C-alpha atoms as a PDB file:
ATOM      1  CA  MET A   1       0.002  -0.306  -0.239  1.00  0.00           C
ATOM      2  CA  ILE A   2       2.782   2.490   0.483  1.00  0.00           C
ATOM      3  CA  LYS A   3       4.605   2.026  -3.194  1.00  0.00           C
ATOM      4  CA  ILE A   4       0.374   2.637  -3.974  1.00  0.00           C
ATOM      5  CA  THR A   5       0.309   5.591  -2.169  1.00  0.00           C
ATOM      6  CA  SER A   6       3.647   7.114  -3.077  1.00  0.00           C
ATOM      7  CA  ALA A   7       2.838   6.209  -6.822  1.00  0.00           C
ATOM      8  CA  ILE A   8      -0.519   8.300  -6.380  1.00  0.00           C
ATOM      9  CA  ALA A   9       0.852  11.291  -4.663  1.00  0.00           C
ATOM     10  CA  GLY A  10       3.544  11.599  -7.383  1.00  0.00           C
ATOM     11  CA  VAL A  11       0.733  12.025 -10.028  1.00  0.00           C
ATOM     12  CA  ALA A  12      -1.192  14.046  -8.089  1.00  0.00           C
ATOM     13  CA  THR A  13       1.566  16.922  -7.723  1.00  0.00           C
ATOM     14  CA  ALA A  14       2.263  16.324 -11.535  1.00  0.00           C
ATOM     15  CA  ILE A  15      -1.863  17.032 -11.733  1.00  0.00           C
ATOM     16  CA  LEU A  16      -1.394  20.618 -10.461  1.00  0.00           C
ATOM     17  CA  ALA A  17       1.030  21.240 -13.167  1.00  0.00           C
ATOM     18  CA  THR A  18      -1.313  20.728 -15.659  1.00  0.00           C
ATOM     19  CA  SER A  19      -3.327  23.092 -15.641  1.00  0.00           C
ATOM     20  CA  ALA A  20      -0.479  25.751 -15.901  1.00  0.00           C
ATOM     21  CA  PHE A  21       0.773  23.434 -18.786  1.00  0.00           C
ATOM     22  CA  ALA A  22      -2.694  23.563 -21.093  1.00  0.00           C
ATOM     23  CA  GLY A  23      -3.091  27.057 -20.398  1.00  0.00           C
ATOM     24  CA  ALA A  24       0.444  28.081 -21.538  1.00  0.00           C
ATOM     25  CA  HIS A  25      -0.411  26.198 -24.655  1.00  0.00           C
ATOM     26  CA  GLY A  26      -3.335  26.206 -25.698  1.00  0.00           C
ATOM     27  CA  ASP A  27      -6.686  24.796 -24.260  1.00  0.00           C
ATOM     28  CA  THR A  28      -6.851  21.427 -25.917  1.00  0.00           C
ATOM     29  CA  THR A  29      -4.582  18.348 -26.380  1.00  0.00           C
ATOM     30  CA  LEU A  30      -5.348  18.504 -29.700  1.00  0.00           C
ATOM     31  CA  GLY A  31      -4.641  22.264 -30.005  1.00  0.00           C
ATOM     32  CA  GLN A  32      -1.059  21.610 -28.734  1.00  0.00           C
ATOM     33  CA  VAL A  33      -0.144  18.876 -30.779  1.00  0.00           C
ATOM     34  CA  GLN A  34      -0.739  20.579 -34.085  1.00  0.00           C
ATOM     35  CA  ALA A  35       0.784  23.685 -32.953  1.00  0.00           C
ATOM     36  CA  LYS A  36       3.958  21.260 -32.525  1.00  0.00           C
ATOM     37  CA  GLY A  37       3.584  19.558 -35.451  1.00  0.00           C
ATOM     38  CA  PHE A  38       4.106  15.941 -34.037  1.00  0.00           C
ATOM     39  CA  VAL A  39       2.203  13.524 -31.289  1.00  0.00           C
ATOM     40  CA  GLN A  40       4.558  12.895 -28.233  1.00  0.00           C
ATOM     41  CA  CYS A  41       4.120   9.335 -27.174  1.00  0.00           C
ATOM     42  CA  GLY A  42       5.194   7.450 -24.009  1.00  0.00           C
ATOM     43  CA  VAL A  43       6.881   3.762 -24.485  1.00  0.00           C
ATOM     44  CA  SER A  44       8.091   1.481 -22.491  1.00  0.00           C
ATOM     45  CA  GLN A  45      12.534   1.285 -22.702  1.00  0.00           C
ATOM     46  CA  GLY A  46      12.327  -1.752 -24.398  1.00  0.00           C
ATOM     47  CA  LEU A  47       9.716  -4.243 -25.385  1.00  0.00           C
ATOM     48  CA  PRO A  48       9.782  -6.404 -28.105  1.00  0.00           C
ATOM     49  CA  GLY A  49       6.673  -6.627 -30.025  1.00  0.00           C
ATOM     50  CA  PHE A  50       5.012  -3.535 -28.278  1.00  0.00           C
ATOM     51  CA  SER A  51       7.911  -0.362 -28.296  1.00  0.00           C
ATOM     52  CA  ASN A  52      11.393  -1.367 -29.139  1.00  0.00           C
ATOM     53  CA  ALA A  53      13.934   0.953 -30.693  1.00  0.00           C
ATOM     54  CA  ASP A  54      16.517  -0.440 -33.313  1.00  0.00           C
ATOM     55  CA  ASP A  55      20.244   0.742 -33.513  1.00  0.00           C
ATOM     56  CA  ALA A  56      19.502   3.353 -35.409  1.00  0.00           C
ATOM     57  CA  GLY A  57      16.759   4.869 -32.643  1.00  0.00           C
ATOM     58  CA  ASN A  58      13.493   2.974 -34.859  1.00  0.00           C
ATOM     59  CA  TRP A  59      10.632   2.222 -32.847  1.00  0.00           C
ATOM     60  CA  ALA A  60       8.330  -0.462 -33.695  1.00  0.00           C
ATOM     61  CA  GLY A  61       5.964  -2.375 -31.991  1.00  0.00           C
ATOM     62  CA  ILE A  62       1.810  -2.825 -31.357  1.00  0.00           C
ATOM     63  CA  ASP A  63       2.160   0.237 -28.799  1.00  0.00           C
ATOM     64  CA  VAL A  64       4.041   2.106 -31.146  1.00  0.00           C
ATOM     65  CA  ASP A  65       1.340   1.561 -34.256  1.00  0.00           C
ATOM     66  CA  LEU A  66      -1.200   3.186 -31.944  1.00  0.00           C
ATOM     67  CA  CYS A  67       0.538   5.913 -31.647  1.00  0.00           C
ATOM     68  CA  ARG A  68       1.727   6.060 -35.139  1.00  0.00           C
ATOM     69  CA  ALA A  69      -2.211   5.781 -35.584  1.00  0.00           C
ATOM     70  CA  VAL A  70      -2.886   8.557 -33.962  1.00  0.00           C
ATOM     71  CA  ALA A  71      -0.739  10.632 -35.974  1.00  0.00           C
ATOM     72  CA  ALA A  72      -1.966   9.573 -39.149  1.00  0.00           C
ATOM     73  CA  ALA A  73      -5.707  10.940 -38.010  1.00  0.00           C
ATOM     74  CA  VAL A  74      -4.329  14.111 -36.746  1.00  0.00           C
ATOM     75  CA  PHE A  75      -2.253  15.406 -39.584  1.00  0.00           C
ATOM     76  CA  GLY A  76      -2.879  12.841 -42.065  1.00  0.00           C
ATOM     77  CA  ASP A  77       1.187  11.504 -41.801  1.00  0.00           C
ATOM     78  CA  ALA A  78       2.285   8.541 -39.123  1.00  0.00           C
ATOM     79  CA  SER A  79       5.218  10.057 -39.193  1.00  0.00           C
ATOM     80  CA  LYS A  80       4.319  12.974 -37.620  1.00  0.00           C
ATOM     81  CA  VAL A  81       5.170  11.217 -33.635  1.00  0.00           C
ATOM     82  CA  LYS A  82       8.122  11.309 -31.541  1.00  0.00           C
ATOM     83  CA  PHE A  83       8.965   9.167 -28.399  1.00  0.00           C
ATOM     84  CA  THR A  84       9.295   9.253 -25.011  1.00  0.00           C
ATOM     85  CA  PRO A  85      10.690   5.839 -23.226  1.00  0.00           C
ATOM     86  CA  LEU A  86       9.889   5.680 -20.123  1.00  0.00           C
ATOM     87  CA  SER A  87      10.055   3.387 -16.794  1.00  0.00           C
ATOM     88  CA  ALA A  88       6.811   2.214 -14.957  1.00  0.00           C
ATOM     89  CA  LYS A  89       7.666   3.905 -12.059  1.00  0.00           C
ATOM     90  CA  GLN A  90       8.034   7.544 -14.365  1.00  0.00           C
ATOM     91  CA  ARG A  91       5.091   6.513 -16.435  1.00  0.00           C
ATOM     92  CA  PHE A  92       1.589   7.969 -14.914  1.00  0.00           C
ATOM     93  CA  THR A  93       3.870  11.466 -13.691  1.00  0.00           C
ATOM     94  CA  ALA A  94       5.109  11.994 -17.571  1.00  0.00           C
ATOM     95  CA  LEU A  95       1.142  11.494 -18.876  1.00  0.00           C
ATOM     96  CA  SER A  96      -0.359  13.207 -15.858  1.00  0.00           C
ATOM     97  CA  SER A  97       1.774  16.756 -16.330  1.00  0.00           C
ATOM     98  CA  GLY A  98       1.794  16.822 -20.075  1.00  0.00           C
ATOM     99  CA  GLU A  99       5.638  15.464 -20.995  1.00  0.00           C
ATOM    100  CA  ILE A 100       3.387  13.546 -23.233  1.00  0.00           C
ATOM    101  CA  ASP A 101       0.218  13.315 -25.095  1.00  0.00           C
ATOM    102  CA  ILE A 102      -0.208   9.716 -24.827  1.00  0.00           C
ATOM    103  CA  LEU A 103       0.711   6.658 -22.866  1.00  0.00           C
ATOM    104  CA  SER A 104       0.922   3.457 -24.591  1.00  0.00           C
ATOM    105  CA  ARG A 105       3.259   1.301 -22.787  1.00  0.00           C
ATOM    106  CA  ASN A 106       2.151  -2.035 -21.768  1.00  0.00           C
ATOM    107  CA  THR A 107       0.102  -0.825 -19.116  1.00  0.00           C
ATOM    108  CA  THR A 108      -2.757  -2.512 -17.222  1.00  0.00           C
ATOM    109  CA  TRP A 109      -6.298  -0.823 -17.044  1.00  0.00           C
ATOM    110  CA  THR A 110      -7.152  -0.639 -13.269  1.00  0.00           C
ATOM    111  CA  MET A 111      -9.830   0.635 -11.232  1.00  0.00           C
ATOM    112  CA  THR A 112      -7.505   2.423  -9.191  1.00  0.00           C
ATOM    113  CA  ARG A 113      -5.498   3.841 -12.315  1.00  0.00           C
ATOM    114  CA  ASP A 114      -8.513   4.686 -13.895  1.00  0.00           C
ATOM    115  CA  THR A 115     -10.574   6.541 -10.501  1.00  0.00           C
ATOM    116  CA  GLN A 116      -7.623   8.142  -8.762  1.00  0.00           C
ATOM    117  CA  LEU A 117      -4.724   8.979 -11.303  1.00  0.00           C
ATOM    118  CA  GLY A 118      -6.639  11.522 -13.136  1.00  0.00           C
ATOM    119  CA  LEU A 119      -6.435   9.222 -16.377  1.00  0.00           C
ATOM    120  CA  ASN A 120      -8.350   7.712 -18.672  1.00  0.00           C
ATOM    121  CA  PHE A 121      -7.451   4.307 -20.715  1.00  0.00           C
ATOM    122  CA  ALA A 122      -8.833   4.733 -24.295  1.00  0.00           C
ATOM    123  CA  GLY A 123      -9.310   0.727 -24.559  1.00  0.00           C
ATOM    124  CA  VAL A 124      -7.273  -2.220 -25.022  1.00  0.00           C
ATOM    125  CA  ASN A 125      -5.068  -3.022 -27.473  1.00  0.00           C
ATOM    126  CA  TYR A 126      -4.123  -6.200 -25.886  1.00  0.00           C
ATOM    127  CA  TYR A 127      -5.343  -8.859 -23.721  1.00  0.00           C
ATOM    128  CA  ASP A 128      -2.861 -10.668 -21.297  1.00  0.00           C
ATOM    129  CA  GLY A 129      -2.474 -12.199 -17.687  1.00  0.00           C
ATOM    130  CA  GLN A 130       0.087 -12.417 -15.746  1.00  0.00           C
ATOM    131  CA  GLY A 131       2.946 -15.104 -15.679  1.00  0.00           C
ATOM    132  CA  MET A 132       6.128 -16.466 -14.586  1.00  0.00           C
ATOM    133  CA  MET A 133       9.626 -17.511 -16.652  1.00  0.00           C
ATOM    134  CA  VAL A 134      11.473 -19.970 -14.487  1.00  0.00           C
ATOM    135  CA  PRO A 135      14.945 -21.785 -16.004  1.00  0.00           C
ATOM    136  CA  ALA A 136      14.175 -25.306 -17.118  1.00  0.00           C
ATOM    137  CA  GLY A 137      17.011 -26.672 -14.763  1.00  0.00           C
ATOM    138  CA  LEU A 138      14.213 -25.849 -11.915  1.00  0.00           C
ATOM    139  CA  GLY A 139      12.188 -28.349 -12.843  1.00  0.00           C
ATOM    140  CA  ALA A 140       9.106 -27.027 -11.898  1.00  0.00           C
ATOM    141  CA  LYS A 141       6.250 -27.744 -13.859  1.00  0.00           C
ATOM    142  CA  SER A 142       3.804 -25.727 -11.976  1.00  0.00           C
ATOM    143  CA  ALA A 143       4.075 -22.278  -9.875  1.00  0.00           C
ATOM    144  CA  LEU A 144       2.416 -24.339  -7.118  1.00  0.00           C
ATOM    145  CA  GLU A 145       6.231 -25.511  -6.540  1.00  0.00           C
ATOM    146  CA  LEU A 146       8.066 -22.002  -5.988  1.00  0.00           C
ATOM    147  CA  ASP A 147       7.298 -21.775  -2.273  1.00  0.00           C
ATOM    148  CA  GLY A 148      10.505 -19.914  -1.010  1.00  0.00           C
ATOM    149  CA  ALA A 149      11.427 -18.572  -4.546  1.00  0.00           C
ATOM    150  CA  ASN A 150      13.557 -15.268  -5.244  1.00  0.00           C
ATOM    151  CA  ILE A 151      10.798 -13.410  -7.794  1.00  0.00           C
ATOM    152  CA  CYS A 152      11.907 -10.358 -10.305  1.00  0.00           C
ATOM    153  CA  THR A 153      10.158  -7.727 -11.071  1.00  0.00           C
ATOM    154  CA  ASN A 154       9.526  -4.486 -12.428  1.00  0.00           C
ATOM    155  CA  THR A 155       8.692  -1.998  -9.402  1.00  0.00           C
ATOM    156  CA  GLY A 156       6.223   0.501  -9.921  1.00  0.00           C
ATOM    157  CA  THR A 157       3.686  -2.261 -11.525  1.00  0.00           C
ATOM    158  CA  THR A 158       0.533  -4.576 -10.895  1.00  0.00           C
ATOM    159  CA  THR A 159       2.742  -7.604 -11.509  1.00  0.00           C
ATOM    160  CA  GLU A 160       3.851  -7.020  -7.551  1.00  0.00           C
ATOM    161  CA  LEU A 161       0.453  -7.162  -6.004  1.00  0.00           C
ATOM    162  CA  ASN A 162      -0.451 -10.021  -8.033  1.00  0.00           C
ATOM    163  CA  ILE A 163       2.399 -11.985  -7.234  1.00  0.00           C
ATOM    164  CA  THR A 164       2.084 -10.893  -3.617  1.00  0.00           C
ATOM    165  CA  ASP A 165      -2.335 -11.894  -3.585  1.00  0.00           C
ATOM    166  CA  TYR A 166      -1.310 -15.715  -5.293  1.00  0.00           C
ATOM    167  CA  PHE A 167       1.510 -16.485  -2.910  1.00  0.00           C
ATOM    168  CA  ARG A 168      -0.670 -15.171   0.221  1.00  0.00           C
ATOM    169  CA  ALA A 169      -3.098 -17.148  -0.968  1.00  0.00           C
ATOM    170  CA  ASN A 170      -1.469 -20.166  -1.729  1.00  0.00           C
ATOM    171  CA  ASN A 171       0.225 -20.337   1.498  1.00  0.00           C
ATOM    172  CA  MET A 172       3.554 -20.239   0.109  1.00  0.00           C
ATOM    173  CA  SER A 173       6.607 -17.361   0.799  1.00  0.00           C
ATOM    174  CA  PHE A 174       8.921 -15.948  -1.367  1.00  0.00           C
ATOM    175  CA  ASN A 175      11.339 -12.930  -1.652  1.00  0.00           C
ATOM    176  CA  LEU A 176      10.243 -10.316  -4.129  1.00  0.00           C
ATOM    177  CA  VAL A 177      13.445  -8.404  -6.170  1.00  0.00           C
ATOM    178  CA  ALA A 178      12.590  -5.167  -7.889  1.00  0.00           C
ATOM    179  CA  TYR A 179      14.031  -3.440 -10.270  1.00  0.00           C
ATOM    180  CA  GLU A 180      12.791   0.212 -11.991  1.00  0.00           C
ATOM    181  CA  LYS A 181      13.569  -0.750 -15.503  1.00  0.00           C
ATOM    182  CA  ALA A 182      12.870  -3.350 -17.619  1.00  0.00           C
ATOM    183  CA  ASP A 183      16.157  -4.632 -18.500  1.00  0.00           C
ATOM    184  CA  GLU A 184      17.875  -4.865 -15.192  1.00  0.00           C
ATOM    185  CA  VAL A 185      15.105  -7.352 -14.589  1.00  0.00           C
ATOM    186  CA  VAL A 186      16.264  -9.381 -17.450  1.00  0.00           C
ATOM    187  CA  ALA A 187      19.456  -9.160 -16.605  1.00  0.00           C
ATOM    188  CA  ALA A 188      19.051 -10.044 -12.924  1.00  0.00           C
ATOM    189  CA  TYR A 189      17.556 -13.226 -14.051  1.00  0.00           C
ATOM    190  CA  ASP A 190      19.640 -14.221 -16.700  1.00  0.00           C
ATOM    191  CA  ALA A 191      22.635 -14.039 -14.560  1.00  0.00           C
ATOM    192  CA  GLY A 192      20.670 -16.079 -11.634  1.00  0.00           C
ATOM    193  CA  ARG A 193      20.239 -13.389  -9.208  1.00  0.00           C
ATOM    194  CA  CYS A 194      16.760 -14.846  -8.901  1.00  0.00           C
ATOM    195  CA  ASP A 195      14.942 -17.766  -9.505  1.00  0.00           C
ATOM    196  CA  VAL A 196      11.830 -16.920 -11.344  1.00  0.00           C
ATOM    197  CA  TYR A 197      10.872 -13.710 -13.770  1.00  0.00           C
ATOM    198  CA  THR A 198       7.460 -12.669 -13.513  1.00  0.00           C
ATOM    199  CA  THR A 199       5.452 -10.128 -15.851  1.00  0.00           C
ATOM    200  CA  ASP A 200       2.656 -10.166 -18.220  1.00  0.00           C
ATOM    201  CA  ARG A 201       3.044 -13.828 -20.461  1.00  0.00           C
ATOM    202  CA  SER A 202       3.177 -11.305 -23.610  1.00  0.00           C
ATOM    203  CA  GLY A 203       6.310  -9.513 -22.014  1.00  0.00           C
ATOM    204  CA  LEU A 204       7.784 -13.167 -20.958  1.00  0.00           C
ATOM    205  CA  ALA A 205       7.582 -14.093 -24.439  1.00  0.00           C
ATOM    206  CA  ALA A 206       8.885 -10.543 -25.501  1.00  0.00           C
ATOM    207  CA  GLN A 207      11.933 -10.642 -22.853  1.00  0.00           C
ATOM    208  CA  ARG A 208      12.836 -14.251 -23.356  1.00  0.00           C
ATOM    209  CA  THR A 209      14.713 -13.319 -26.582  1.00  0.00           C
ATOM    210  CA  LYS A 210      17.098 -11.098 -24.994  1.00  0.00           C
ATOM    211  CA  LEU A 211      18.669 -13.873 -22.860  1.00  0.00           C
ATOM    212  CA  THR A 212      21.764 -15.583 -23.308  1.00  0.00           C
ATOM    213  CA  SER A 213      19.618 -18.915 -23.776  1.00  0.00           C
ATOM    214  CA  PRO A 214      15.874 -18.357 -24.768  1.00  0.00           C
ATOM    215  CA  ASP A 215      15.205 -21.751 -25.209  1.00  0.00           C
ATOM    216  CA  ALA A 216      16.410 -22.562 -21.344  1.00  0.00           C
ATOM    217  CA  HIS A 217      13.488 -20.884 -20.231  1.00  0.00           C
ATOM    218  CA  VAL A 218       9.766 -21.938 -19.719  1.00  0.00           C
ATOM    219  CA  VAL A 219       6.899 -20.245 -19.130  1.00  0.00           C
ATOM    220  CA  LEU A 220       4.770 -21.855 -16.793  1.00  0.00           C
ATOM    221  CA  PRO A 221       0.915 -22.722 -17.366  1.00  0.00           C
ATOM    222  CA  GLU A 222       0.001 -20.695 -14.058  1.00  0.00           C
ATOM    223  CA  ILE A 223      -1.762 -17.126 -15.535  1.00  0.00           C
ATOM    224  CA  ILE A 224      -2.776 -15.399 -12.305  1.00  0.00           C
ATOM    225  CA  SER A 225      -4.173 -12.582 -13.243  1.00  0.00           C
ATOM    226  CA  LYS A 226      -5.925 -10.364 -16.398  1.00  0.00           C
ATOM    227  CA  GLU A 227      -3.940  -7.585 -17.438  1.00  0.00           C
ATOM    228  CA  PRO A 228      -6.078  -5.435 -20.005  1.00  0.00           C
ATOM    229  CA  LEU A 229      -3.704  -3.098 -21.820  1.00  0.00           C
ATOM    230  CA  GLY A 230      -4.109  -0.095 -23.604  1.00  0.00           C
ATOM    231  CA  PRO A 231      -3.365   3.548 -24.341  1.00  0.00           C
ATOM    232  CA  VAL A 232      -3.889   6.241 -21.681  1.00  0.00           C
ATOM    233  CA  VAL A 233      -4.178  10.402 -21.622  1.00  0.00           C
ATOM    234  CA  ARG A 234      -5.037  12.900 -19.352  1.00  0.00           C
ATOM    235  CA  GLN A 235      -8.473  12.923 -17.839  1.00  0.00           C
ATOM    236  CA  GLY A 236     -10.817  16.622 -18.783  1.00  0.00           C
ATOM    237  CA  ASP A 237     -10.064  16.429 -22.421  1.00  0.00           C
ATOM    238  CA  ASP A 238     -12.985  13.958 -23.869  1.00  0.00           C
ATOM    239  CA  ASN A 239     -11.635  15.019 -27.738  1.00  0.00           C
ATOM    240  CA  TRP A 240      -8.614  13.901 -27.014  1.00  0.00           C
ATOM    241  CA  PHE A 241      -9.912  10.793 -25.278  1.00  0.00           C
ATOM    242  CA  ASN A 242     -12.535  10.552 -28.214  1.00  0.00           C
ATOM    243  CA  ILE A 243      -9.796  10.434 -31.010  1.00  0.00           C
ATOM    244  CA  VAL A 244      -7.417   7.613 -29.439  1.00  0.00           C
ATOM    245  CA  ARG A 245     -10.108   5.834 -28.635  1.00  0.00           C
ATOM    246  CA  TRP A 246     -11.611   5.968 -32.092  1.00  0.00           C
ATOM    247  CA  SER A 247      -8.139   5.314 -33.807  1.00  0.00           C
ATOM    248  CA  LEU A 248      -7.698   2.178 -31.967  1.00  0.00           C
ATOM    249  CA  ASN A 249     -11.043   1.443 -32.947  1.00  0.00           C
ATOM    250  CA  ALA A 250     -10.548   2.179 -36.540  1.00  0.00           C
ATOM    251  CA  MET A 251      -7.941  -0.005 -36.668  1.00  0.00           C
ATOM    252  CA  ILE A 252     -10.216  -2.954 -35.174  1.00  0.00           C
ATOM    253  CA  ASN A 253     -13.450  -2.646 -37.556  1.00  0.00           C
ATOM    254  CA  ALA A 254     -11.158  -2.231 -40.413  1.00  0.00           C
ATOM    255  CA  GLU A 255      -9.933  -5.692 -39.797  1.00  0.00           C
ATOM    256  CA  GLU A 256     -12.921  -6.899 -39.311  1.00  0.00           C
ATOM    257  CA  LEU A 257     -14.482  -5.317 -42.544  1.00  0.00           C
ATOM    258  CA  GLY A 258     -11.517  -7.157 -44.095  1.00  0.00           C
ATOM    259  CA  ILE A 259      -9.916  -3.437 -44.874  1.00  0.00           C
ATOM    260  CA  THR A 260      -6.108  -3.449 -45.390  1.00  0.00           C
ATOM    261  CA  ALA A 261      -3.097  -1.253 -46.020  1.00  0.00           C
ATOM    262  CA  ALA A 262      -3.443  -2.329 -49.504  1.00  0.00           C
ATOM    263  CA  ASN A 263      -6.783  -2.346 -50.164  1.00  0.00           C
ATOM    264  CA  ALA A 264      -7.766   0.592 -48.551  1.00  0.00           C
ATOM    265  CA  ALA A 265      -8.128   3.063 -50.764  1.00  0.00           C
ATOM    266  CA  SER A 266      -9.525   0.444 -53.296  1.00  0.00           C
ATOM    267  CA  MET A 267     -12.628  -0.341 -51.173  1.00  0.00           C
ATOM    268  CA  ALA A 268     -13.601   3.406 -50.319  1.00  0.00           C
ATOM    269  CA  ASN A 269     -16.658   3.219 -52.904  1.00  0.00           C
ATOM    270  CA  ASP A 270     -17.534  -0.314 -51.520  1.00  0.00           C
ATOM    271  CA  ASN A 271     -21.276  -1.015 -51.380  1.00  0.00           C
ATOM    272  CA  ASN A 272     -21.414  -1.620 -47.350  1.00  0.00           C
ATOM    273  CA  PRO A 273     -22.168   1.620 -45.763  1.00  0.00           C
ATOM    274  CA  SER A 274     -19.595   0.289 -42.515  1.00  0.00           C
ATOM    275  CA  VAL A 275     -16.824   0.260 -44.951  1.00  0.00           C
ATOM    276  CA  LYS A 276     -17.848   4.063 -46.329  1.00  0.00           C
ATOM    277  CA  ARG A 277     -18.358   5.238 -43.295  1.00  0.00           C
ATOM    278  CA  LEU A 278     -14.859   4.107 -41.853  1.00  0.00           C
ATOM    279  CA  LEU A 279     -12.946   5.379 -44.866  1.00  0.00           C
ATOM    280  CA  GLY A 280     -15.143   8.678 -45.152  1.00  0.00           C
ATOM    281  CA  THR A 281     -17.172   8.358 -47.948  1.00  0.00           C
ATOM    282  CA  GLU A 282     -20.028   8.870 -46.255  1.00  0.00           C
ATOM    283  CA  GLY A 283     -20.989  11.089 -43.617  1.00  0.00           C
ATOM    284  CA  ASN A 284     -18.554  13.258 -41.412  1.00  0.00           C
ATOM    285  CA  PHE A 285     -17.223  11.195 -38.363  1.00  0.00           C
ATOM    286  CA  GLY A 286     -14.004  12.570 -38.895  1.00  0.00           C
ATOM    287  CA  GLU A 287     -15.497  15.836 -38.687  1.00  0.00           C
ATOM    288  CA  GLU A 288     -17.103  15.199 -35.200  1.00  0.00           C
ATOM    289  CA  LEU A 289     -13.273  14.647 -34.057  1.00  0.00           C
ATOM    290  CA  GLY A 290     -11.671  17.569 -35.322  1.00  0.00           C
ATOM    291  CA  LEU A 291     -10.184  16.037 -38.141  1.00  0.00           C
ATOM    292  CA  SER A 292     -10.638  15.166 -42.075  1.00  0.00           C
ATOM    293  CA  ASN A 293     -13.096  12.683 -43.035  1.00  0.00           C
ATOM    294  CA  ASP A 294     -10.274  10.929 -44.400  1.00  0.00           C
ATOM    295  CA  TRP A 295      -8.897  10.173 -40.684  1.00  0.00           C
ATOM    296  CA  ALA A 296      -8.977   6.436 -40.653  1.00  0.00           C
ATOM    297  CA  MET A 297      -8.492   6.128 -44.275  1.00  0.00           C
ATOM    298  CA  ASN A 298      -5.091   7.220 -43.715  1.00  0.00           C
ATOM    299  CA  ILE A 299      -4.944   5.360 -40.171  1.00  0.00           C
ATOM    300  CA  VAL A 300      -5.187   2.128 -42.407  1.00  0.00           C
ATOM    301  CA  THR A 301      -3.524   3.134 -45.303  1.00  0.00           C
ATOM    302  CA  GLN A 302      -0.518   4.012 -43.217  1.00  0.00           C
ATOM    303  CA  VAL A 303      -0.247   1.890 -40.538  1.00  0.00           C
ATOM    304  CA  GLY A 304      -2.615  -0.902 -41.135  1.00  0.00           C
ATOM    305  CA  ASN A 305      -5.307  -2.971 -39.376  1.00  0.00           C
ATOM    306  CA  TYR A 306      -5.291  -4.378 -36.389  1.00  0.00           C
ATOM    307  CA  GLY A 307      -4.175  -7.816 -37.459  1.00  0.00           C
ATOM    308  CA  GLU A 308      -1.546  -6.694 -39.496  1.00  0.00           C
ATOM    309  CA  SER A 309       0.123  -4.699 -36.882  1.00  0.00           C
ATOM    310  CA  TYR A 310      -0.367  -7.680 -34.321  1.00  0.00           C
ATOM    311  CA  GLU A 311       0.968 -10.353 -36.980  1.00  0.00           C
ATOM    312  CA  ARG A 312       3.807  -7.954 -38.315  1.00  0.00           C
ATOM    313  CA  HIS A 313       5.004  -7.962 -34.795  1.00  0.00           C
ATOM    314  CA  VAL A 314       4.005 -10.137 -32.457  1.00  0.00           C
ATOM    315  CA  GLY A 315       2.873 -12.833 -34.597  1.00  0.00           C
ATOM    316  CA  LEU A 316       3.614 -16.520 -34.838  1.00  0.00           C
ATOM    317  CA  ASN A 317       6.133 -15.501 -37.806  1.00  0.00           C
ATOM    318  CA  THR A 318       7.827 -13.319 -35.458  1.00  0.00           C
ATOM    319  CA  PRO A 319      10.623 -13.854 -32.387  1.00  0.00           C
ATOM    320  CA  ILE A 320       7.688 -13.460 -29.876  1.00  0.00           C
ATOM    321  CA  LYS A 321       5.374 -16.295 -31.525  1.00  0.00           C
ATOM    322  CA  LEU A 322       2.509 -15.269 -29.551  1.00  0.00           C
ATOM    323  CA  ALA A 323      -0.951 -16.703 -30.908  1.00  0.00           C
ATOM    324  CA  ARG A 324      -4.241 -14.751 -31.306  1.00  0.00           C
ATOM    325  CA  GLY A 325      -5.949 -16.240 -28.998  1.00  0.00           C
ATOM    326  CA  VAL A 326      -8.194 -13.788 -27.031  1.00  0.00           C
ATOM    327  CA  ASN A 327      -6.985 -10.814 -28.752  1.00  0.00           C
ATOM    328  CA  ASN A 328      -8.559 -12.297 -31.853  1.00  0.00           C
ATOM    329  CA  LEU A 329     -11.989 -10.679 -32.998  1.00  0.00           C
ATOM    330  CA  TRP A 330     -14.802 -11.389 -31.334  1.00  0.00           C
ATOM    331  CA  SER A 331     -15.989 -13.301 -35.025  1.00  0.00           C
ATOM    332  CA  GLN A 332     -12.901 -15.789 -35.035  1.00  0.00           C
ATOM    333  CA  GLY A 333     -13.060 -16.891 -31.278  1.00  0.00           C
ATOM    334  CA  GLY A 334     -11.526 -14.358 -29.147  1.00  0.00           C
ATOM    335  CA  ILE A 335     -12.987 -11.239 -27.291  1.00  0.00           C
ATOM    336  CA  LEU A 336     -11.486  -8.470 -29.368  1.00  0.00           C
ATOM    337  CA  TYR A 337     -14.427  -5.889 -30.598  1.00  0.00           C
ATOM    338  CA  ALA A 338     -15.062  -2.445 -31.292  1.00  0.00           C
ATOM    339  CA  ALA A 339     -18.141  -0.175 -31.160  1.00  0.00           C
ATOM    340  CA  PRO A 340     -19.169   0.542 -34.706  1.00  0.00           C
ATOM    341  CA  ILE A 341     -18.612   3.745 -36.673  1.00  0.00           C
ATOM    342  CA  ARG A 342     -22.374   5.088 -37.187  1.00  0.00           C
END
């Protein structure tokens, strides 16, 4: 509880500065973004498949694609975005203070974060759950065999509370070893300073690629939490909230309607009214967001639909190798479902 209270206090201090920030830079986030000419997006410090920079500083991942989608919607140019790498401890303060316009950084939507930090979650772009990874040589087949284990994770995250709840509920003891930076956790686990690495299962798949011998480690079968991950904005600016939310919805709806980066232009005059509304050839849905009516067309042609982004960054043909599972469309056996544009 001390860590939670401290985090909330830090964000509260940042919120006090936000009104001054807004007054100096315009009344709305959209106005501020348009004035400076780019979207400032908070991302992780390096999580392959989600937000990760290559040696040349080029960012990629499904969280990065969400930021590019917002830039495409606002400017008609997905490249008009800059990235700020943030630790889990830094992320909410950076958003509340106005340092970033969007937080798109494998962040779990919880009630506390939604009600006490002055922030709004704009949707879910990856449904996840917390898991545990161990060296295969440990011989563990279940998390229930980990009594007394040293467990590595990131500080300032839901994983600390989840692992504590799980071990308490199962009458087991453990020693938590927490680090602020994700790469510090990976290095500690890889060096054998802890028996277990716990985080979201998608994160385990991504971080395992950084280990000295990735195949020498296994993810245990238990999923001990619900971790709906998604983009976050500041409370108090409904228009910006809607722009971010509907940028994500546009990518999901595009996949459901069979609209891809390659065929979007040719489908603009399709007979399906849902396609017309999404691609801006019927109605004024862009204007309702304060954008041009081709806002979603720009997202799909420049970034792709949700499925294209998923397969490009974390799908089975990538080093991450994550099956769609619950992140498949609702019509394909998953739970991914976006409100309609109408």
